[in-house]
Protein backbone atom coordinates (compact mmCIF):
# COMPACT_ATOMS: atom_id res chain seq x y z
CA MET A 1 0.00 0.00 0.00
CA LEU A 2 2.90 2.25 0.78
CA VAL A 3 3.70 2.03 -2.79
CA LEU A 4 1.80 5.04 -3.89
CA VAL A 5 4.54 7.03 -2.41
CA GLY A 6 6.03 6.27 -5.78
CA MET A 7 3.80 9.10 -6.86
CA ILE A 8 6.41 11.25 -5.23
CA SER A 9 8.82 10.16 -7.92
CA ALA A 10 6.38 10.86 -10.69
CA LEU A 11 5.72 14.38 -9.57
CA TRP A 12 8.89 15.50 -7.85
CA ALA A 13 9.79 18.01 -10.53
CA ILE A 14 6.53 19.98 -10.51
CA GLY A 15 7.20 23.64 -9.70
CA ASP A 16 4.95 26.53 -8.81
CA ALA A 17 5.30 28.35 -12.13
CA PRO A 18 1.89 29.15 -13.66
CA ALA A 19 0.83 27.81 -17.02
CA TYR A 20 2.24 30.79 -18.92
CA ALA A 21 5.63 30.95 -17.18
CA ASP A 22 8.91 30.57 -19.05
CA GLU A 23 9.82 26.92 -19.47
CA GLY A 24 13.46 27.50 -18.61
CA GLU A 25 12.77 29.20 -15.28
CA PRO A 26 14.36 27.12 -12.48
CA GLU A 27 12.62 26.17 -9.28
CA ALA A 28 13.65 28.11 -6.22
CA VAL A 29 12.68 25.36 -3.80
CA PRO A 30 12.53 21.59 -4.43
CA PRO A 31 9.18 19.80 -4.15
CA SER A 32 8.00 18.57 -0.76
CA VAL A 33 6.08 15.36 -0.15
CA GLU A 34 4.60 13.90 3.01
CA LEU A 35 3.57 10.29 3.20
CA VAL A 36 0.53 9.73 5.42
CA LEU A 37 0.35 6.06 6.36
CA ASP A 38 -2.61 4.30 7.96
CA VAL A 39 -1.35 2.00 10.76
CA SER A 40 -4.78 1.26 12.23
CA GLY A 41 -5.76 -2.18 13.51
CA SER A 42 -7.21 -3.30 10.17
CA MET A 43 -3.69 -3.37 8.71
CA ARG A 44 -3.18 -6.65 10.57
CA ALA A 45 -5.45 -8.44 8.10
CA LYS A 46 -3.72 -11.29 6.22
CA ASP A 47 -5.36 -10.94 2.85
CA ILE A 48 -2.51 -10.02 0.49
CA ASP A 49 -0.77 -13.12 -0.80
CA GLY A 50 -1.16 -14.69 2.65
CA GLU A 51 0.65 -11.84 4.43
CA THR A 52 -0.50 -8.90 6.52
CA ARG A 53 -1.20 -5.63 4.78
CA ILE A 54 1.40 -3.82 6.88
CA ALA A 55 4.14 -6.34 5.99
CA VAL A 56 3.52 -5.92 2.27
CA ALA A 57 3.36 -2.14 2.66
CA LYS A 58 6.71 -2.02 4.44
CA ARG A 59 8.45 -3.96 1.68
CA ALA A 60 6.91 -1.77 -0.99
CA PHE A 61 7.98 1.32 0.92
CA GLY A 62 11.61 0.23 0.83
CA GLN A 63 11.49 0.08 -2.96
CA VAL A 64 9.92 3.51 -3.16
CA VAL A 65 12.48 5.12 -0.89
CA ASP A 66 15.35 3.64 -2.91
CA ALA A 67 13.90 5.15 -6.10
CA LEU A 68 13.27 8.68 -4.79
CA PRO A 69 15.25 11.51 -6.43
CA GLU A 70 17.86 13.09 -4.16
CA THR A 71 16.18 16.51 -4.41
CA THR A 72 12.89 15.34 -2.90
CA GLN A 73 11.95 16.77 0.48
CA LEU A 74 10.27 13.85 2.25
CA GLY A 75 8.27 13.62 5.47
CA ILE A 76 6.30 10.76 7.02
CA ARG A 77 3.17 10.98 9.17
CA VAL A 78 1.21 8.06 10.56
CA LEU A 79 -2.31 7.64 11.91
CA GLY A 80 -3.66 5.03 14.30
CA ALA A 81 -0.14 3.96 15.29
CA THR A 82 0.11 4.48 19.06
CA TYR A 83 -3.23 4.28 20.93
CA PRO A 84 -4.45 0.66 21.42
CA GLY A 85 -7.47 1.44 23.61
CA ASP A 86 -11.20 1.76 22.98
CA ASP A 87 -11.61 5.44 23.91
CA LYS A 88 -12.62 6.89 20.55
CA LYS A 89 -11.94 10.47 21.65
CA LYS A 90 -8.30 9.61 22.32
CA GLY A 91 -7.96 7.26 19.37
CA CYS A 92 -9.19 9.90 16.95
CA GLN A 93 -6.34 12.21 17.96
CA ASP A 94 -3.75 9.54 17.18
CA THR A 95 -1.56 10.97 14.42
CA GLN A 96 2.14 11.79 14.60
CA GLN A 97 4.89 12.94 12.25
CA ILE A 98 7.67 10.35 12.59
CA VAL A 99 10.02 11.84 9.98
CA PRO A 100 10.14 15.65 9.53
CA VAL A 101 9.99 17.06 6.02
CA GLY A 102 13.53 17.39 4.71
CA PRO A 103 16.15 15.90 2.36
CA VAL A 104 15.64 12.18 1.81
CA ASP A 105 17.38 10.08 4.49
CA ARG A 106 16.75 6.54 3.26
CA GLY A 107 18.03 4.85 6.39
CA GLN A 108 15.95 7.03 8.71
CA ALA A 109 12.79 6.58 6.63
CA LYS A 110 13.08 2.78 6.43
CA ALA A 111 13.90 2.46 10.13
CA ALA A 112 10.89 4.60 11.10
CA ILE A 113 8.51 2.47 9.04
CA ALA A 114 10.02 -0.82 10.23
CA LYS A 115 9.01 -0.05 13.85
CA LEU A 116 5.32 0.46 13.08
CA LYS A 117 2.69 -1.98 14.33
CA PRO A 118 -1.05 -1.84 13.47
CA THR A 119 -2.83 -0.39 16.50
CA GLY A 120 -5.85 1.91 16.57
CA PHE A 121 -8.44 4.13 14.85
CA THR A 122 -8.36 5.83 11.42
CA PRO A 123 -8.46 9.66 11.79
CA ILE A 124 -7.83 10.50 8.11
CA GLY A 125 -9.34 14.00 8.16
CA LEU A 126 -7.22 15.12 11.12
CA ALA A 127 -4.08 13.55 9.63
CA LEU A 128 -4.58 15.45 6.36
CA ARG A 129 -4.84 18.75 8.20
CA ARG A 130 -1.71 18.02 10.21
CA ALA A 131 0.17 16.93 7.08
CA ALA A 132 -0.68 20.23 5.37
CA GLU A 133 0.74 22.05 8.40
CA ASP A 134 3.88 19.90 8.22
CA LEU A 135 4.48 20.95 4.62
CA GLY A 136 3.88 24.66 5.27
CA THR A 137 2.83 27.12 2.59
CA ALA A 138 6.13 28.20 1.03
CA GLY A 139 8.11 26.60 -1.76
CA SER A 140 7.13 24.83 -4.92
CA ALA A 141 4.96 21.74 -5.40
CA ARG A 142 3.66 20.17 -2.18
CA ARG A 143 2.03 16.76 -2.15
CA ILE A 144 0.44 14.50 0.42
CA VAL A 145 0.37 10.78 -0.39
CA LEU A 146 -2.32 9.08 1.69
CA ILE A 147 -2.15 5.29 2.02
CA THR A 148 -5.00 3.53 3.78
CA ASP A 149 -6.97 0.29 3.77
CA GLY A 150 -10.21 1.75 5.07
CA GLU A 151 -12.35 4.84 5.40
CA ASP A 152 -12.15 7.44 8.16
CA THR A 153 -13.58 6.16 11.46
CA CYS A 154 -13.32 9.48 13.28
CA THR A 155 -15.48 11.96 11.32
CA PRO A 156 -15.61 14.88 12.00
CA PRO A 157 -13.64 16.32 10.40
CA ASP A 158 -14.81 14.74 7.19
CA PRO A 159 -11.74 14.00 5.03
CA CYS A 160 -13.48 15.12 1.83
CA ALA A 161 -14.36 18.46 3.43
CA VAL A 162 -10.77 18.81 4.66
CA ALA A 163 -9.47 18.17 1.12
CA ARG A 164 -11.76 20.87 -0.26
CA GLU A 165 -10.56 23.29 2.43
CA LEU A 166 -6.95 22.64 1.52
CA ALA A 167 -7.63 23.09 -2.20
CA ALA A 168 -9.58 26.30 -1.62
CA LYS A 169 -6.58 27.92 0.09
CA GLY A 170 -4.81 27.99 -3.27
CA THR A 171 -1.48 26.81 -1.87
CA LYS A 172 -0.73 24.29 -4.64
CA LEU A 173 -1.23 21.35 -2.33
CA VAL A 174 -2.22 18.06 -3.99
CA VAL A 175 -3.36 14.88 -2.25
CA ASP A 176 -2.82 11.52 -3.96
CA THR A 177 -4.55 8.49 -2.46
CA LEU A 178 -3.90 4.75 -2.53
CA GLY A 179 -6.40 2.20 -1.27
CA LEU A 180 -5.20 -1.23 -0.25
CA THR A 181 -7.95 -3.78 -1.03
CA PRO A 182 -10.52 -0.95 -0.72
CA ASP A 183 -14.24 -1.63 -0.46
CA GLN A 184 -16.74 0.59 -2.27
CA LYS A 185 -17.13 3.10 0.58
CA THR A 186 -13.37 3.48 1.00
CA ARG A 187 -12.86 3.86 -2.74
CA LYS A 188 -15.53 6.56 -2.90
CA GLN A 189 -13.95 8.52 -0.05
CA LEU A 190 -10.41 8.29 -1.46
CA VAL A 191 -11.59 9.37 -4.92
CA CYS A 192 -13.33 12.35 -3.32
CA ILE A 193 -10.16 13.38 -1.48
CA SER A 194 -7.87 13.13 -4.48
CA THR A 195 -10.29 14.72 -6.93
CA ALA A 196 -10.89 17.75 -4.71
CA THR A 197 -7.18 18.63 -4.81
CA GLY A 198 -6.32 17.61 -8.36
CA GLY A 199 -4.61 14.39 -7.25
CA THR A 200 -4.99 10.78 -8.34
CA PHE A 201 -6.45 7.61 -6.85
CA ALA A 202 -5.09 4.09 -7.21
CA SER A 203 -5.83 0.73 -5.61
CA ALA A 204 -3.89 -2.49 -5.12
CA LYS A 205 -4.92 -5.99 -4.06
CA SER A 206 -1.63 -7.85 -4.32
CA GLU A 207 2.06 -7.28 -3.76
CA GLN A 208 2.66 -7.64 -7.49
CA GLU A 209 0.22 -4.81 -8.17
CA LEU A 210 2.08 -2.68 -5.66
CA THR A 211 5.43 -3.45 -7.29
CA ASP A 212 4.12 -2.75 -10.77
CA ARG A 213 2.59 0.51 -9.62
CA VAL A 214 5.88 1.62 -8.10
CA GLN A 215 7.81 0.84 -11.28
CA GLN A 216 5.29 2.70 -13.38
CA LEU A 217 5.47 5.80 -11.24
CA VAL A 218 9.26 5.77 -11.03
CA ASP A 219 9.52 5.46 -14.82
CA ARG A 220 7.16 8.40 -15.18
CA ALA A 221 9.61 10.58 -13.23
CA ALA A 222 11.68 10.92 -16.42
CA VAL A 223 8.75 12.46 -18.29
CA PRO A 224 8.53 16.29 -18.25
CA PRO A 225 6.05 17.40 -15.59
CA PRO A 226 2.59 18.56 -16.66
CA VAL A 227 1.75 22.23 -16.83
CA THR A 228 0.74 23.67 -13.49
CA PRO A 229 -2.56 25.56 -14.01
CA ALA A 230 -2.54 29.23 -13.08
CA ALA A 231 -5.19 30.15 -10.52
CA VAL A 232 -7.89 32.49 -11.81
CA THR A 233 -11.27 33.67 -10.55
CA GLY A 234 -14.09 33.93 -13.07
CA ALA A 235 -16.51 36.84 -12.82
CA LYS A 236 -20.31 37.07 -12.82
CA SER A 237 -20.43 39.00 -16.09
CA CYS A 238 -18.38 39.41 -19.24
CA GLU A 239 -17.60 43.05 -18.44
CA GLN A 240 -15.93 42.07 -15.15
CA ALA A 241 -14.29 38.89 -16.44
CA PRO A 242 -10.50 38.45 -16.36
CA ALA A 243 -8.72 38.53 -19.72
CA LEU A 244 -6.89 35.25 -20.34
CA SER A 245 -4.05 34.47 -22.72
CA PRO A 246 -3.44 30.94 -24.06
CA GLY A 247 -2.68 28.59 -21.18
CA VAL A 248 -4.21 26.35 -18.52
CA TYR A 249 -6.16 27.82 -15.60
CA SER A 250 -7.84 26.51 -12.47
CA ASP A 251 -10.93 27.87 -10.73
CA ARG A 252 -13.81 26.60 -8.60
CA GLU A 253 -17.51 26.74 -9.47
CA ARG A 254 -20.49 26.12 -7.23
CA ILE A 255 -23.54 24.14 -8.25
CA GLY A 256 -25.72 26.17 -10.62
CA GLU A 257 -23.13 28.94 -10.94
CA HIS A 258 -21.92 30.71 -14.11
CA ARG A 259 -18.28 31.75 -14.53
CA TYR A 260 -17.18 34.33 -17.14
CA TYR A 261 -13.75 34.77 -18.76
CA ARG A 262 -12.56 36.95 -21.66
CA VAL A 263 -10.18 35.89 -24.45
CA PRO A 264 -8.77 38.55 -26.85
CA LEU A 265 -8.79 37.15 -30.38
CA GLN A 266 -6.77 38.72 -33.18
CA PRO A 267 -7.95 38.75 -36.83
CA GLY A 268 -7.20 35.42 -38.48
CA GLN A 269 -7.09 33.50 -35.19
CA GLU A 270 -9.17 30.56 -34.08
CA LEU A 271 -10.15 29.99 -30.46
CA ARG A 272 -9.96 26.50 -29.01
CA ALA A 273 -11.12 26.04 -25.43
CA SER A 274 -12.07 23.19 -23.12
CA VAL A 275 -13.20 22.87 -19.53
CA SER A 276 -13.17 19.95 -17.10
CA VAL A 277 -15.10 19.94 -13.84
CA ALA A 278 -14.24 17.43 -11.12
CA LEU A 279 -17.26 16.02 -9.31
CA ASP A 280 -15.77 15.98 -5.83
CA ARG A 281 -19.06 15.56 -3.97
CA PRO A 282 -22.28 13.52 -4.36
CA ILE A 283 -24.65 14.98 -6.96
CA ASN A 284 -28.00 13.91 -8.35
CA ARG A 285 -28.33 11.95 -11.58
CA ASP A 286 -28.63 13.68 -14.96
CA TYR A 287 -26.19 16.55 -15.10
CA GLY A 288 -24.05 18.43 -17.58
CA VAL A 289 -21.37 21.04 -18.20
CA LEU A 290 -21.82 23.82 -20.76
CA LEU A 291 -19.05 25.94 -22.31
CA LYS A 292 -20.23 28.84 -24.48
CA ALA A 293 -18.38 31.45 -26.53
CA VAL A 294 -20.28 34.73 -26.92
CA THR A 295 -19.45 38.23 -28.07
CA ALA A 296 -19.03 41.05 -25.59
CA ASN A 297 -22.63 42.13 -26.27
CA GLY A 298 -23.99 38.63 -25.60
CA ARG A 299 -24.44 37.16 -29.09
CA GLU A 300 -23.76 33.42 -28.92
CA LEU A 301 -21.10 32.16 -31.30
CA VAL A 302 -20.73 28.47 -30.46
CA ARG A 303 -21.25 26.09 -27.57
CA GLY A 304 -19.89 22.80 -26.26
CA LEU A 305 -21.98 20.55 -24.04
CA ASP A 306 -21.38 17.28 -22.24
CA ALA A 307 -24.02 15.50 -20.20
CA ALA A 308 -24.08 12.31 -18.14
CA SER A 309 -26.18 10.31 -15.73
CA GLY A 310 -24.91 8.28 -12.83
CA ARG A 311 -21.41 8.21 -11.39
CA ALA A 312 -18.53 10.10 -13.01
CA ASP A 313 -15.35 11.63 -11.58
CA VAL A 314 -14.81 14.34 -14.21
CA ILE A 315 -17.03 15.81 -16.91
CA SER A 316 -15.59 17.88 -19.76
CA SER A 317 -16.67 19.98 -22.71
CA GLY A 318 -14.89 21.90 -25.46
CA LEU A 319 -15.39 24.20 -28.43
CA ARG A 320 -13.59 25.88 -31.33
CA TRP A 321 -14.50 29.10 -33.14
CA SER A 322 -13.04 31.45 -35.71
CA ALA A 323 -14.57 34.46 -37.46
CA GLY A 324 -15.71 33.23 -40.88
CA LYS A 325 -17.46 35.10 -43.63
CA ALA A 326 -20.85 34.96 -41.92
CA GLU A 327 -19.40 36.35 -38.69
CA GLU A 328 -17.54 39.11 -40.57
CA GLU A 329 -20.76 40.13 -42.35
CA LYS A 330 -22.58 40.10 -39.00
CA ALA A 331 -19.82 42.19 -37.47
CA GLY A 332 -20.17 44.71 -40.31
CA GLU A 333 -23.88 45.01 -39.60
CA GLU A 334 -23.17 45.54 -35.90
CA GLU A 335 -20.59 48.22 -36.70
CA LYS A 336 -23.11 50.03 -38.90
CA ALA A 337 -25.48 49.90 -35.95
CA GLY A 338 -22.88 51.71 -33.87
CA GLU A 339 -21.56 48.71 -31.94
CA ALA A 340 -17.85 48.31 -31.17
CA GLU A 341 -15.61 46.20 -33.43
CA GLN A 342 -14.42 44.54 -30.22
CA ALA A 343 -17.65 42.50 -30.33
CA ILE A 344 -15.89 40.05 -32.69
CA THR A 345 -12.24 40.44 -31.53
CA GLU A 346 -12.87 39.70 -27.86
CA VAL A 347 -14.70 36.48 -27.05
CA CYS A 348 -16.36 35.83 -23.73
CA LEU A 349 -16.27 32.26 -22.41
CA ILE A 350 -19.04 31.14 -20.06
CA VAL A 351 -18.73 28.00 -17.96
CA SER A 352 -21.97 26.77 -16.40
CA ASN A 353 -23.30 23.51 -14.99
CA SER A 354 -26.59 21.73 -14.48
CA PHE A 355 -25.65 19.91 -11.28
CA ALA A 356 -28.07 19.35 -8.43
CA SER A 357 -27.45 17.99 -4.95
CA SER A 358 -29.59 16.84 -2.06
CA THR A 359 -27.28 18.76 0.26
CA PRO A 360 -26.73 22.55 0.25
CA ALA A 361 -24.14 23.84 -2.23
CA ALA A 362 -21.26 24.29 0.17
CA ALA A 363 -18.15 26.38 -0.39
CA PRO A 364 -15.73 26.00 -1.96
CA GLY A 365 -17.10 25.11 -5.37
CA MET A 366 -16.08 22.15 -7.46
CA PRO A 367 -12.62 22.39 -9.05
CA LEU A 368 -12.54 23.18 -12.76
CA GLU A 369 -9.68 23.40 -15.22
CA LEU A 370 -9.92 25.69 -18.24
CA SER A 371 -7.61 25.23 -21.23
CA ILE A 372 -7.32 28.01 -23.81
CA ASP A 373 -5.40 28.14 -27.08
CA THR A 374 -5.42 30.38 -30.15
CA VAL A 375 -4.20 29.13 -33.54
CA ALA A 376 -4.32 30.29 -37.13
CA ALA A 377 -7.90 30.12 -38.38
CA SER A 378 -8.67 27.02 -40.42
CA THR A 379 -10.93 26.89 -43.45
CA ALA A 380 -11.90 23.32 -42.59
CA PRO A 381 -15.36 22.76 -41.06
CA ASP A 382 -15.56 22.72 -37.28
CA ALA A 383 -16.38 19.03 -37.30
CA PRO A 384 -17.39 16.31 -39.71
CA GLY A 385 -21.14 16.23 -40.20
CA LEU A 386 -23.99 15.61 -42.59
CA GLY A 387 -24.55 17.86 -45.57
CA ARG A 388 -27.35 20.38 -45.50
CA GLY A 389 -29.99 21.59 -47.96
CA TRP A 390 -32.25 20.16 -50.64
CA LEU A 391 -29.40 19.33 -53.02
CA PHE A 392 -27.87 16.92 -50.52
CA LEU A 393 -31.27 15.34 -49.88
CA LEU A 394 -31.82 14.91 -53.63
CA VAL A 395 -28.43 13.23 -54.02
CA LEU A 396 -29.34 10.75 -51.25
CA ILE A 397 -32.69 9.94 -52.91
CA VAL A 398 -31.13 9.37 -56.33
CA ALA A 399 -28.37 7.23 -54.84
CA GLY A 400 -30.97 5.15 -52.99
CA LEU A 401 -33.02 4.59 -56.17
CA ILE A 402 -29.97 3.52 -58.18
CA ALA A 403 -28.84 1.17 -55.41
CA GLY A 404 -32.33 -0.34 -55.24
CA VAL A 405 -32.53 -0.93 -59.01
CA LEU A 406 -29.08 -2.53 -59.08
CA ALA A 407 -29.89 -4.76 -56.10
CA GLY A 408 -33.16 -5.90 -57.75
CA TRP A 409 -31.49 -6.61 -61.09
CA LEU A 410 -28.68 -8.63 -59.46
CA THR A 411 -31.18 -10.60 -57.39
CA ARG A 412 -33.27 -11.53 -60.45
CA TRP A 413 -30.14 -12.56 -62.37
CA TRP A 414 -28.95 -14.75 -59.49
CA VAL A 415 -32.37 -16.45 -59.14
CA ALA A 416 -32.57 -17.14 -62.88
CA THR A 417 -29.08 -18.61 -62.93
CA TRP A 418 -29.79 -20.79 -59.90
CA ARG A 419 -32.98 -22.26 -61.52
CA GLU A 420 -31.13 -23.13 -64.72
CA ASN A 421 -28.57 -25.07 -62.74
């Protein structure tokens, strides 16, 4: 289970530069990672290749530590590791940092883990808060890697709510989660935690799965890190919306809310935009995300819509638009009417959702990621589709008649030949 610490390797190079920063700009501070390990009583279960969960986790941890880059700042925090009693009030305060965040000391880290014995409760929410405090707020990328075999047994605080609180502070803190033989409730909680902070969820049910997962994550360390989205706050109207250049941006949107952003578009450019909203809390069935491009005066240009029903972790939508002949003619009419030329050179993007929840729409909103790009306008159609107009319909009718006549003639010829033989 410990293995997801390998996620440290995969993400160690992520800096705090926004999406539009210079690629060659060096990091001032190396990334910091804190492993949060569940050592509650359930880790004594012997259901992984005939061994206890904690024994398998310890072996996997040794492999992870050996593969960590030297520049990683590593800390280790445990939960449920010291209080063996039945007093829930005391057991739900049982979380300690056993290795302070600092340069990787492989011997110290392995020795600290080797001493652990499964003991008590599972205060995940409290451990996440303490881990965030351990990492501080300064520096570059900061990650928490939570490894557990069960859900929180000490709510409140609810771990999903804690994850949303951490994400809402805008301190570039990401929580990755790993479930060891997780049941459905545990999986749901871990997905909620990771999704709320832009992290990932993984599960493992055998030592081989753990080993494979480690190798995969370590290999990924050689791949250039993904772009870190720049934080932005959408407005309630196009006039107040922030102007965005090409890049990747992060924001949060409440249920039923509309977020506005502006994108300056030069003549001959095409706008390509997409949005992804992470569903980090329970919502009712039948929902959707809408991304619209409109002019500054509210005329709709194009829209992208995605809808779903049932369970989904992320829902996305996208669009592309460039000023063609029809738009230029429309712009000329608007100019004659005294409207600004900016109505076609500045596009307003609107992100809205059709989510509904049985619980009140709590702050902060659901995390969304907005990707914007501008390219040279293309003369190709926006997307492949059916032809339009009477001419196309006539062509289909004629083609159908010809195909029918040929099929009838071939059938009659085949029947006649068969009878002769």
